């Protein structure tokens, strides 16, 4: 991971009290790796995904009926 501060963006699916995931698009565009974290645990672990893996995660989330 990095020591630089990340600018987190909530998922568009975070409408129910913000309990979803966040990602850092600026970091992703400059480093080619997408940081993802649980919005309920902002100081918790960060999952670093390749762009391809992140696209798969978004596709899965969009196609899942919850």
PDB file of N, CA and C in Angstrom:
ATOM      1  N   UNK A   1       0.853  -1.183   0.000  1.00  0.00           N
ATOM      2  CA  UNK A   1       0.000   0.000   0.000  1.00  0.00           C
ATOM      3  C   UNK A   1       0.881   1.222   0.000  1.00  0.00           C
ATOM      4  N   UNK A   2       0.291   2.356   0.098  1.00  0.00           N
ATOM      5  CA  UNK A   2       1.001   3.619   0.040  1.00  0.00           C
ATOM      6  C   UNK A   2       0.791   4.410   1.316  1.00  0.00           C
ATOM      7  N   UNK A   3       1.685   5.346   1.566  1.00  0.00           N
ATOM      8  CA  UNK A   3       1.515   6.221   2.718  1.00  0.00           C
ATOM      9  C   UNK A   3       0.828   7.519   2.326  1.00  0.00           C
ATOM     10  N   UNK A   4       0.635   7.735   1.023  1.00  0.00           N
ATOM     11  CA  UNK A   4      -0.057   8.946   0.583  1.00  0.00           C
ATOM     12  C   UNK A   4      -1.534   8.862   0.949  1.00  0.00           C
ATOM     13  N   UNK A   5      -2.157  10.007   1.307  1.00  0.00           N
ATOM     14  CA  UNK A   5      -3.586   9.972   1.637  1.00  0.00           C
ATOM     15  C   UNK A   5      -4.418   9.650   0.399  1.00  0.00           C
ATOM     16  N   UNK A   6      -5.434   8.859   0.582  1.00  0.00           N
ATOM     17  CA  UNK A   6      -6.294   8.473  -0.524  1.00  0.00           C
ATOM     18  C   UNK A   6      -7.606   9.246  -0.443  1.00  0.00           C
ATOM     19  N   UNK A   7      -8.117   9.645  -1.579  1.00  0.00           N
ATOM     20  CA  UNK A   7      -9.420  10.293  -1.661  1.00  0.00           C
ATOM     21  C   UNK A   7     -10.446   9.232  -2.011  1.00  0.00           C
ATOM     22  N   UNK A   8     -11.239   8.863  -1.021  1.00  0.00           N
ATOM     23  CA  UNK A   8     -12.184   7.766  -1.173  1.00  0.00           C
ATOM     24  C   UNK A   8     -13.508   8.241  -1.743  1.00  0.00           C
ATOM     25  N   UNK A   9     -14.124   7.398  -2.570  1.00  0.00           N
ATOM     26  CA  UNK A   9     -15.428   7.662  -3.167  1.00  0.00           C
ATOM     27  C   UNK A   9     -16.337   6.494  -2.824  1.00  0.00           C
ATOM     28  N   UNK A  10     -17.526   6.819  -2.302  1.00  0.00           N
ATOM     29  CA  UNK A  10     -18.474   5.760  -1.962  1.00  0.00           C
ATOM     30  C   UNK A  10     -19.105   5.175  -3.211  1.00  0.00           C
ATOM     31  N   UNK A  11     -19.401   3.920  -3.142  1.00  0.00           N
ATOM     32  CA  UNK A  11     -20.115   3.242  -4.208  1.00  0.00           C
ATOM     33  C   UNK A  11     -21.491   3.875  -4.386  1.00  0.00           C
ATOM     34  N   UNK A  12     -21.991   3.869  -5.602  1.00  0.00           N
ATOM     35  CA  UNK A  12     -23.335   4.399  -5.842  1.00  0.00           C
ATOM     36  C   UNK A  12     -24.397   3.530  -5.175  1.00  0.00           C
ATOM     37  N   UNK A  13     -24.025   2.349  -4.736  1.00  0.00           N
ATOM     38  CA  UNK A  13     -24.949   1.461  -4.045  1.00  0.00           C
ATOM     39  C   UNK A  13     -24.988   1.727  -2.537  1.00  0.00           C
ATOM     40  N   UNK A  14     -24.302   2.758  -2.065  1.00  0.00           N
ATOM     41  CA  UNK A  14     -24.212   3.042  -0.636  1.00  0.00           C
ATOM     42  C   UNK A  14     -25.364   3.899  -0.131  1.00  0.00           C
ATOM     43  N   UNK A  15     -26.504   3.843  -0.755  1.00  0.00           N
ATOM     44  CA  UNK A  15     -27.633   4.677  -0.375  1.00  0.00           C
ATOM     45  C   UNK A  15     -28.238   4.361   0.975  1.00  0.00           C
ATOM     46  N   UNK A  16     -28.109   3.148   1.455  1.00  0.00           N
ATOM     47  CA  UNK A  16     -28.722   2.748   2.723  1.00  0.00           C
ATOM     48  C   UNK A  16     -27.786   2.983   3.892  1.00  0.00           C
ATOM     49  N   UNK A  17     -27.605   4.236   4.259  1.00  0.00           N
ATOM     50  CA  UNK A  17     -26.766   4.557   5.408  1.00  0.00           C
ATOM     51  C   UNK A  17     -25.286   4.484   5.129  1.00  0.00           C
ATOM     52  N   UNK A  18     -24.898   4.347   3.886  1.00  0.00           N
ATOM     53  CA  UNK A  18     -23.484   4.351   3.538  1.00  0.00           C
ATOM     54  C   UNK A  18     -22.748   3.071   3.866  1.00  0.00           C
ATOM     55  N   UNK A  19     -23.452   1.990   4.050  1.00  0.00           N
ATOM     56  CA  UNK A  19     -22.799   0.732   4.412  1.00  0.00           C
ATOM     57  C   UNK A  19     -22.500  -0.086   3.158  1.00  0.00           C
ATOM     58  N   UNK A  20     -21.450   0.275   2.513  1.00  0.00           N
ATOM     59  CA  UNK A  20     -21.074  -0.411   1.283  1.00  0.00           C
ATOM     60  C   UNK A  20     -19.554  -0.340   1.141  1.00  0.00           C
ATOM     61  N   UNK A  21     -19.088  -0.204  -0.066  1.00  0.00           N
ATOM     62  CA  UNK A  21     -17.649  -0.113  -0.294  1.00  0.00           C
ATOM     63  C   UNK A  21     -17.264   1.264  -0.824  1.00  0.00           C
ATOM     64  N   UNK A  22     -15.996   1.588  -0.648  1.00  0.00           N
ATOM     65  CA  UNK A  22     -15.423   2.808  -1.179  1.00  0.00           C
ATOM     66  C   UNK A  22     -14.216   2.435  -2.007  1.00  0.00           C
ATOM     67  N   UNK A  23     -13.890   3.272  -2.974  1.00  0.00           N
ATOM     68  CA  UNK A  23     -12.698   3.054  -3.778  1.00  0.00           C
ATOM     69  C   UNK A  23     -11.999   4.384  -3.974  1.00  0.00           C
ATOM     70  N   UNK A  24     -10.741   4.342  -4.386  1.00  0.00           N
ATOM     71  CA  UNK A  24      -9.937   5.551  -4.555  1.00  0.00           C
ATOM     72  C   UNK A  24      -9.595   5.726  -6.036  1.00  0.00           C
ATOM     73  N   UNK A  25     -10.464   6.409  -6.801  1.00  0.00           N
ATOM     74  CA  UNK A  25     -10.272   6.508  -8.248  1.00  0.00           C
ATOM     75  C   UNK A  25      -9.008   7.249  -8.672  1.00  0.00           C
ATOM     76  N   UNK A  26      -8.601   8.269  -7.944  1.00  0.00           N
ATOM     77  CA  UNK A  26      -7.389   9.000  -8.317  1.00  0.00           C
ATOM     78  C   UNK A  26      -6.167   8.106  -8.213  1.00  0.00           C
ATOM     79  N   UNK A  27      -6.075   7.358  -7.128  1.00  0.00           N
ATOM     80  CA  UNK A  27      -4.963   6.420  -6.959  1.00  0.00           C
ATOM     81  C   UNK A  27      -4.995   5.376  -8.060  1.00  0.00           C
ATOM     82  N   UNK A  28      -6.193   4.888  -8.379  1.00  0.00           N
ATOM     83  CA  UNK A  28      -6.334   3.860  -9.412  1.00  0.00           C
ATOM     84  C   UNK A  28      -5.855   4.365 -10.764  1.00  0.00           C
ATOM     85  N   UNK A  29      -6.201   5.599 -11.107  1.00  0.00           N
ATOM     86  CA  UNK A  29      -5.817   6.110 -12.420  1.00  0.00           C
ATOM     87  C   UNK A  29      -4.326   6.414 -12.525  1.00  0.00           C
ATOM     88  N   UNK A  30      -3.684   6.731 -11.419  1.00  0.00           N
ATOM     89  CA  UNK A  30      -2.253   7.037 -11.468  1.00  0.00           C
ATOM     90  C   UNK A  30      -1.357   5.828 -11.224  1.00  0.00           C
ATOM     91  N   UNK A  31      -1.888   4.785 -10.576  1.00  0.00           N
ATOM     92  CA  UNK A  31      -1.055   3.627 -10.231  1.00  0.00           C
ATOM     93  C   UNK A  31      -1.483   2.323 -10.904  1.00  0.00           C
ATOM     94  N   UNK A  32      -2.675   2.309 -11.499  1.00  0.00           N
ATOM     95  CA  UNK A  32      -3.138   1.099 -12.165  1.00  0.00           C
ATOM     96  C   UNK A  32      -3.618   0.011 -11.227  1.00  0.00           C
ATOM     97  N   UNK A  33      -3.795   0.355  -9.957  1.00  0.00           N
ATOM     98  CA  UNK A  33      -4.293  -0.576  -8.946  1.00  0.00           C
ATOM     99  C   UNK A  33      -5.438   0.128  -8.226  1.00  0.00           C
ATOM    100  N   UNK A  34      -6.533  -0.603  -7.971  1.00  0.00           N
ATOM    101  CA  UNK A  34      -7.722   0.008  -7.383  1.00  0.00           C
ATOM    102  C   UNK A  34      -7.832  -0.358  -5.905  1.00  0.00           C
ATOM    103  N   UNK A  35      -7.656   0.622  -4.998  1.00  0.00           N
ATOM    104  CA  UNK A  35      -7.871   0.360  -3.574  1.00  0.00           C
ATOM    105  C   UNK A  35      -9.372   0.325  -3.268  1.00  0.00           C
ATOM    106  N   UNK A  36      -9.793  -0.681  -2.498  1.00  0.00           N
ATOM    107  CA  UNK A  36     -11.198  -0.848  -2.119  1.00  0.00           C
ATOM    108  C   UNK A  36     -11.231  -1.120  -0.618  1.00  0.00           C
ATOM    109  N   UNK A  37     -12.206  -0.497   0.066  1.00  0.00           N
ATOM    110  CA  UNK A  37     -12.344  -0.749   1.508  1.00  0.00           C
ATOM    111  C   UNK A  37     -13.817  -0.770   1.898  1.00  0.00           C
ATOM    112  N   UNK A  38     -14.086  -1.306   3.063  1.00  0.00           N
ATOM    113  CA  UNK A  38     -15.425  -1.351   3.639  1.00  0.00           C
ATOM    114  C   UNK A  38     -15.716   0.032   4.220  1.00  0.00           C
ATOM    115  N   UNK A  39     -16.811   0.655   3.799  1.00  0.00           N
ATOM    116  CA  UNK A  39     -17.125   2.004   4.274  1.00  0.00           C
ATOM    117  C   UNK A  39     -17.432   2.037   5.766  1.00  0.00           C
ATOM    118  N   UNK A  40     -17.795   0.903   6.355  1.00  0.00           N
ATOM    119  CA  UNK A  40     -18.060   0.844   7.794  1.00  0.00           C
ATOM    120  C   UNK A  40     -16.775   0.780   8.610  1.00  0.00           C
ATOM    121  N   UNK A  41     -15.661   0.454   7.955  1.00  0.00           N
ATOM    122  CA  UNK A  41     -14.378   0.326   8.656  1.00  0.00           C
ATOM    123  C   UNK A  41     -13.293   1.136   7.926  1.00  0.00           C
ATOM    124  N   UNK A  42     -13.392   2.458   7.964  1.00  0.00           N
ATOM    125  CA  UNK A  42     -12.459   3.292   7.205  1.00  0.00           C
ATOM    126  C   UNK A  42     -10.991   3.145   7.620  1.00  0.00           C
ATOM    127  N   UNK A  43     -10.741   2.654   8.808  1.00  0.00           N
ATOM    128  CA  UNK A  43      -9.352   2.431   9.216  1.00  0.00           C
ATOM    129  C   UNK A  43      -8.964   0.956   9.108  1.00  0.00           C
ATOM    130  N   UNK A  44      -9.864   0.157   8.554  1.00  0.00           N
ATOM    131  CA  UNK A  44      -9.620  -1.271   8.399  1.00  0.00           C
ATOM    132  C   UNK A  44      -8.754  -1.571   7.186  1.00  0.00           C
ATOM    133  N   UNK A  45      -8.696  -2.824   6.811  1.00  0.00           N
ATOM    134  CA  UNK A  45      -7.840  -3.241   5.702  1.00  0.00           C
ATOM    135  C   UNK A  45      -8.327  -2.700   4.358  1.00  0.00           C
ATOM    136  N   UNK A  46      -7.397  -2.582   3.437  1.00  0.00           N
ATOM    137  CA  UNK A  46      -7.683  -2.118   2.082  1.00  0.00           C
ATOM    138  C   UNK A  46      -7.319  -3.239   1.115  1.00  0.00           C
ATOM    139  N   UNK A  47      -8.250  -3.576   0.252  1.00  0.00           N
ATOM    140  CA  UNK A  47      -8.032  -4.583  -0.772  1.00  0.00           C
ATOM    141  C   UNK A  47      -7.531  -3.872  -2.021  1.00  0.00           C
ATOM    142  N   UNK A  48      -6.398  -4.305  -2.548  1.00  0.00           N
ATOM    143  CA  UNK A  48      -5.825  -3.703  -3.751  1.00  0.00           C
ATOM    144  C   UNK A  48      -6.131  -4.629  -4.926  1.00  0.00           C
ATOM    145  N   UNK A  49      -6.909  -4.131  -5.895  1.00  0.00           N
ATOM    146  CA  UNK A  49      -7.341  -4.944  -7.029  1.00  0.00           C
ATOM    147  C   UNK A  49      -6.756  -4.434  -8.336  1.00  0.00           C
ATOM    148  N   UNK A  50      -6.514  -5.349  -9.245  1.00  0.00           N
ATOM    149  CA  UNK A  50      -6.153  -4.934 -10.602  1.00  0.00           C
ATOM    150  C   UNK A  50      -7.397  -4.293 -11.220  1.00  0.00           C
ATOM    151  N   UNK A  51      -7.224  -3.534 -12.272  1.00  0.00           N
ATOM    152  CA  UNK A  51      -8.357  -2.940 -12.954  1.00  0.00           C
ATOM    153  C   UNK A  51      -9.342  -3.986 -13.440  1.00  0.00           C
ATOM    154  N   UNK A  52      -8.809  -5.093 -13.955  1.00  0.00           N
ATOM    155  CA  UNK A  52      -9.643  -6.191 -14.449  1.00  0.00           C
ATOM    156  C   UNK A  52     -10.468  -6.806 -13.311  1.00  0.00           C
ATOM    157  N   UNK A  53      -9.847  -7.029 -12.175  1.00  0.00           N
ATOM    158  CA  UNK A  53     -10.547  -7.609 -11.023  1.00  0.00           C
ATOM    159  C   UNK A  53     -11.611  -6.643 -10.494  1.00  0.00           C
ATOM    160  N   UNK A  54     -11.313  -5.352 -10.480  1.00  0.00           N
ATOM    161  CA  UNK A  54     -12.281  -4.362 -10.028  1.00  0.00           C
ATOM    162  C   UNK A  54     -13.500  -4.333 -10.951  1.00  0.00           C
ATOM    163  N   UNK A  55     -13.258  -4.404 -12.253  1.00  0.00           N
ATOM    164  CA  UNK A  55     -14.354  -4.450 -13.220  1.00  0.00           C
ATOM    165  C   UNK A  55     -15.237  -5.666 -12.963  1.00  0.00           C
ATOM    166  N   UNK A  56     -14.619  -6.805 -12.673  1.00  0.00           N
ATOM    167  CA  UNK A  56     -15.378  -8.010 -12.347  1.00  0.00           C
ATOM    168  C   UNK A  56     -16.201  -7.843 -11.085  1.00  0.00           C
ATOM    169  N   UNK A  57     -15.640  -7.179 -10.077  1.00  0.00           N
ATOM    170  CA  UNK A  57     -16.351  -6.941  -8.826  1.00  0.00           C
ATOM    171  C   UNK A  57     -17.570  -6.047  -9.056  1.00  0.00           C
ATOM    172  N   UNK A  58     -17.397  -4.996  -9.831  1.00  0.00           N
ATOM    173  CA  UNK A  58     -18.507  -4.089 -10.143  1.00  0.00           C
ATOM    174  C   UNK A  58     -19.587  -4.814 -10.933  1.00  0.00           C
ATOM    175  N   UNK A  59     -19.178  -5.614 -11.892  1.00  0.00           N
ATOM    176  CA  UNK A  59     -20.146  -6.385 -12.681  1.00  0.00           C
ATOM    177  C   UNK A  59     -20.930  -7.331 -11.797  1.00  0.00           C
ATOM    178  N   UNK A  60     -20.252  -8.016 -10.897  1.00  0.00           N
ATOM    179  CA  UNK A  60     -20.913  -8.923  -9.962  1.00  0.00           C
ATOM    180  C   UNK A  60     -21.915  -8.170  -9.086  1.00  0.00           C
ATOM    181  N   UNK A  61     -21.521  -7.018  -8.568  1.00  0.00           N
ATOM    182  CA  UNK A  61     -22.404  -6.231  -7.700  1.00  0.00           C
ATOM    183  C   UNK A  61     -23.646  -5.769  -8.454  1.00  0.00           C
ATOM    184  N   UNK A  62     -23.474  -5.381  -9.685  1.00  0.00           N
ATOM    185  CA  UNK A  62     -24.616  -4.918 -10.484  1.00  0.00           C
ATOM    186  C   UNK A  62     -25.576  -6.045 -10.824  1.00  0.00           C
ATOM    187  N   UNK A  63     -25.076  -7.254 -10.948  1.00  0.00           N
ATOM    188  CA  UNK A  63     -25.908  -8.386 -11.357  1.00  0.00           C
ATOM    189  C   UNK A  63     -26.460  -9.197 -10.188  1.00  0.00           C
ATOM    190  N   UNK A  64     -26.139  -8.796  -8.966  1.00  0.00           N
ATOM    191  CA  UNK A  64     -26.582  -9.519  -7.782  1.00  0.00           C
ATOM    192  C   UNK A  64     -27.851  -8.892  -7.237  1.00  0.00           C
ATOM    193  N   UNK A  65     -28.874  -9.685  -7.063  1.00  0.00           N
ATOM    194  CA  UNK A  65     -30.121  -9.204  -6.454  1.00  0.00           C
ATOM    195  C   UNK A  65     -30.045  -9.423  -4.956  1.00  0.00           C
ATOM    196  N   UNK A  66     -29.956  -8.339  -4.233  1.00  0.00           N
ATOM    197  CA  UNK A  66     -29.852  -8.450  -2.768  1.00  0.00           C
ATOM    198  C   UNK A  66     -31.102  -7.945  -2.107  1.00  0.00           C
TER     199      UNK A  66
END
